[in-house]
Structure formats: structure tokens, C-alpha cells
């Protein structure tokens, strides 16, 4: 399997797995409204730590994706940032890496 396909597989898994749990959360009465969401992502110190870890990584990845997209002339860098916060880092980062890999000249 080439690297681009591996990244696309990770993007698919990064979409399916977190959203399986997001849908279960919503079906259980959860909400993405600011108040209930903030309460859920700070339910205990472990969840709070994981939440901050992911958000800090998402900001860093977003800054890098926008800068890297400009450098390598990959269109839609900001769309990956939007996807990062609307869908998830586990989806948007491997999707960007797949696009980046495909944009590289053949060796």
C-alpha cells in the first residue's frame, strides 16, 4: 500500500471511529451546544486533559496545514482547518497528508 492510500485509510477510520462515539453521545441526550458540550468535555481531569491535548494539536496542525498548503501549492488549506474543527483532527490531518503526498512529484 502506498503512503497516500494509507493516509486515506486513516482519514476514513478517523471519520468513522470518533463519529461513532459522537452519534452515541447525541443519541444518549448529549448536545454540541456550548453549555452541555463544555460540561461533557470537562467531566473529569482525564477527559479534560484529552480534550485540551486534541485542541492544542488541532490548532498546531491547522497552522501547519495552511502554511504547508501555500508552500506546496495545495489548494484548500483552509478547508482542512474547517474540517479539523467541524469533523475532527483524526480525519482532516490524514486527508491533508494524502493530498500532500499526491501533489509530490514522482521520484
Protein backbone atom coordinates (compact mmCIF):
# COMPACT_ATOMS: atom_id res chain seq x y z
CA UNK A 1 0.00 0.00 0.00
CA UNK A 2 1.42 3.39 -0.88
CA UNK A 3 1.59 6.22 1.63
CA UNK A 4 -1.26 8.22 0.09
CA UNK A 5 -3.62 5.25 0.36
CA UNK A 6 -2.52 4.62 3.94
CA UNK A 7 -3.34 8.24 4.82
CA UNK A 8 -6.74 7.94 3.12
CA UNK A 9 -7.45 4.78 5.11
CA UNK A 10 -6.50 6.62 8.31
CA UNK A 11 -8.77 9.52 7.30
CA UNK A 12 -11.68 7.09 6.83
CA UNK A 13 -11.00 5.49 10.22
CA UNK A 14 -10.56 8.99 11.71
CA UNK A 15 -14.01 9.88 10.41
CA UNK A 16 -15.81 6.66 11.33
CA UNK A 17 -14.50 5.91 14.81
CA UNK A 18 -14.86 9.31 16.50
CA UNK A 19 -18.23 9.93 14.85
CA UNK A 20 -19.50 6.54 16.02
CA UNK A 21 -18.97 7.82 19.55
CA UNK A 22 -20.24 11.33 18.75
CA UNK A 23 -23.50 9.87 17.44
CA UNK A 24 -23.81 7.64 20.51
CA UNK A 25 -23.28 10.74 22.67
CA UNK A 26 -26.01 12.63 20.81
CA UNK A 27 -28.40 9.66 20.94
CA UNK A 28 -27.83 9.47 24.68
CA UNK A 29 -29.09 13.02 25.10
CA UNK A 30 -25.80 14.85 24.62
CA UNK A 31 -25.54 18.12 22.75
CA UNK A 32 -22.95 20.15 20.90
CA UNK A 33 -24.46 23.34 22.34
CA UNK A 34 -21.74 25.21 24.26
CA UNK A 35 -23.00 24.59 27.80
CA UNK A 36 -23.68 20.85 27.65
CA UNK A 37 -20.64 20.26 25.45
CA UNK A 38 -18.31 22.11 27.83
CA UNK A 39 -19.69 20.06 30.72
CA UNK A 40 -19.16 16.80 28.83
CA UNK A 41 -15.58 17.55 27.74
CA UNK A 42 -14.62 18.55 31.27
CA UNK A 43 -16.40 15.72 33.08
CA UNK A 44 -13.21 14.70 34.90
CA UNK A 45 -9.49 15.53 34.79
CA UNK A 46 -8.69 12.75 32.30
CA UNK A 47 -11.33 13.86 29.79
CA UNK A 48 -10.32 17.50 30.27
CA UNK A 49 -6.66 16.63 29.61
CA UNK A 50 -7.51 14.67 26.46
CA UNK A 51 -9.75 17.49 25.24
CA UNK A 52 -7.03 20.11 25.68
CA UNK A 53 -4.45 17.79 24.14
CA UNK A 54 -6.55 17.36 20.99
CA UNK A 55 -7.48 21.04 20.69
CA UNK A 56 -3.88 22.20 21.08
CA UNK A 57 -2.75 19.62 18.49
CA UNK A 58 -5.60 20.73 16.19
CA UNK A 59 -4.50 24.36 16.35
CA UNK A 60 -0.87 23.41 15.66
CA UNK A 61 -1.89 21.10 12.79
CA UNK A 62 -4.15 23.80 11.35
CA UNK A 63 -1.38 26.40 11.36
CA UNK A 64 0.95 23.91 9.73
CA UNK A 65 -1.60 22.79 7.09
CA UNK A 66 -2.32 26.36 5.99
CA UNK A 67 1.38 27.25 5.78
CA UNK A 68 2.31 23.98 4.12
CA UNK A 69 -0.54 24.21 1.59
CA UNK A 70 0.76 27.61 0.50
CA UNK A 71 4.34 26.36 0.30
CA UNK A 72 3.43 23.30 -1.79
CA UNK A 73 0.64 24.99 -3.75
CA UNK A 74 -2.06 22.65 -2.47
CA UNK A 75 -5.41 24.36 -2.75
CA UNK A 76 -7.98 24.37 0.01
CA UNK A 77 -5.70 24.58 3.03
CA UNK A 78 -8.38 26.47 4.94
CA UNK A 79 -10.92 23.76 4.13
CA UNK A 80 -8.77 21.32 6.09
CA UNK A 81 -8.81 23.72 9.04
CA UNK A 82 -12.60 23.90 8.82
CA UNK A 83 -12.78 20.10 8.63
CA UNK A 84 -10.42 19.87 11.58
CA UNK A 85 -12.82 21.71 13.88
CA UNK A 86 -16.12 20.66 12.28
CA UNK A 87 -15.34 16.97 11.73
CA UNK A 88 -12.14 16.18 13.59
CA UNK A 89 -8.35 16.25 13.58
CA UNK A 90 -8.20 12.46 13.11
CA UNK A 91 -9.96 12.97 9.75
CA UNK A 92 -8.57 16.25 8.47
CA UNK A 93 -4.86 15.69 9.13
CA UNK A 94 -4.52 12.34 7.32
CA UNK A 95 -6.72 13.67 4.50
CA UNK A 96 -4.38 16.65 4.10
CA UNK A 97 -1.34 14.37 4.23
CA UNK A 98 -2.85 12.19 1.48
CA UNK A 99 -3.41 15.26 -0.69
CA UNK A 100 0.12 16.45 0.03
CA UNK A 101 1.58 13.06 -0.83
CA UNK A 102 -0.34 13.00 -4.13
CA UNK A 103 0.89 16.50 -5.01
CA UNK A 104 4.54 15.49 -4.71
CA UNK A 105 6.36 14.93 -7.98
CA UNK A 106 7.12 11.29 -8.77
CA UNK A 107 10.64 10.29 -7.83
